[in-house]
Amino acid sequence: MSVRFIEVGEAYAVFGLSWRPIDDIDREKAELRLLVKDFDASFQVRVSGGSSHATEVLYGLLPKAELQEHGFKKGKTAFLSPAILLATVPNVSPNAIWAHRSGDRAYMAVLEDGLPYPGGDFCGTPEEVAQACESILANHSGRFTFYGNVHAQAIEISLEDLVEEGNAKAATMLAASRGIDGRLMFAGAIVAAMCAAYGYMQYRDQQEEAARLAARKNKQSPEQLYAKSLAIALTTAGSPVSEVTDALIQSTGMRGRKQELLMGGWQLKDITCDVAACLFQWANVGGNNISLRDALQRNDIDYSLDGTTARYSALHPSKVAVALDARRLPSMHIFKEQVGSFSQDLRLLGVTASFGPESIFGADPTIAPSAIKSPVKAGTFSYQGKLALLEDIMRRLPQNMTLKSAVLTTGLDAKFTLEGTYYVKD
């Protein structure tokens, strides 16, 4: 699961942290050093709790690579864990799902027994968040109290409310500890006398830490660990293109030309859709803002300050809740044979297709790729062609191809660009 940074006030809420338990609380520091090393983490946050008969300790880890990818440099940037913010809101349920929608983006955080639910703090489209919630509920029926504004029975609370009402200090991530040993601080005068003893003690600690790591990893095989991380990742994979077709085409109004291209002195330039909604972009060709409002009979139009463009978003009229089924994925060979043939046929109609290379999908970073015997792999795809062909192409794409976006341009030379992700099983 990729990490997302959402600016809130003077800090950033971090969605997608890697949450890992401490197996032996008596050796917490030693285990933490190993976790930081495994994830190459730059920041960490600690939380403890659990049932009355057992105390659990979890660490949320933020890898250095994620900071670099998002352009964060060394400095005083504050990073917050949404899950810990939720856990520290007064009177919040210990088993809680917080899901909040803001425009075309939605966020979620999940608690189980008062602790962050691994894979539960997530940022994506409203449809992806809804699917992630449904996946969690399928395994924990009736246990959760809802917060946010996505679920009909939720207690209203926004991300800003979490920061204000939760314990921001407890949720603030600290620089990751790589375990500088205090014995290295001995004065130079006694280093010579102690070096042999220190060397032995360091060696013993390293051996114990290595044994602890091996024991932890041996509790579950790489295949078992991958199956668990894959199940979480699949909740964000989206819906198959063919399953989204009816809702998307109905939203655009393109079937039967129900959507007028010229209204109130404005021209519809393009429509951009995902699994949850479509964004309509209009260009001014002689009208004004009021004429467009009256023509569309909408009060949620976002006008540009210079008066040249306007846009609004419309949710799909029907819900798309079909998730990707990993058990029915084709092999790469069959995918190339079948979808490759389909793409070759489309080329005769002027449609271009492109496919990105596949890579292992949903693997925990602590699992070596070579240890996974039959991984799910994912890659990107794109189709471009005449708009009149879009609906038929979408219906014919197999279930292992999910939608990212569809861009429809209007005019005499109306075209489409369809993008998404394909999944195969090795």
Foldseek 3Di string as FASTA:
>chain_A
DAWDWPDAPQATEIFQFAKDKDPDPVCVVLLLLVVCVLQVFFWKAWDWAADPVDIIIMITTDHPVNCVVVPHDDDDHWYFYLQQLQLQQPPHDQFAWEWADDPQKIWIWTHDRSHTDGLTTDIDGLLLNVLLVVLVCVVVPPPYAYAYPNDPRHPHDDSNRSCVRGDRVNGIIDGRDNDDDPVVVDDPVCCVVCVVVVVVVVVVSVVVSVVVVVVVCVVDAQQRQQVVLVSSQQSNQAFALLLQLVLVCVQVCPVVVRDDQDFQQKGFFKWKDASWKIKTKIFHRDGFPVRRCVRVVDDAKAADPVGGMIMDMDTGPDHRNHTQDPVPFAAPVVCCVVVVVVQVVVVVVVKHKDKFDKDFPRRDSSRDPVSHDKGKIKIKMKIKDAPVCVSVVSNPDDRQWHFDMKMWGDDPRIMIMTMTMGIHID
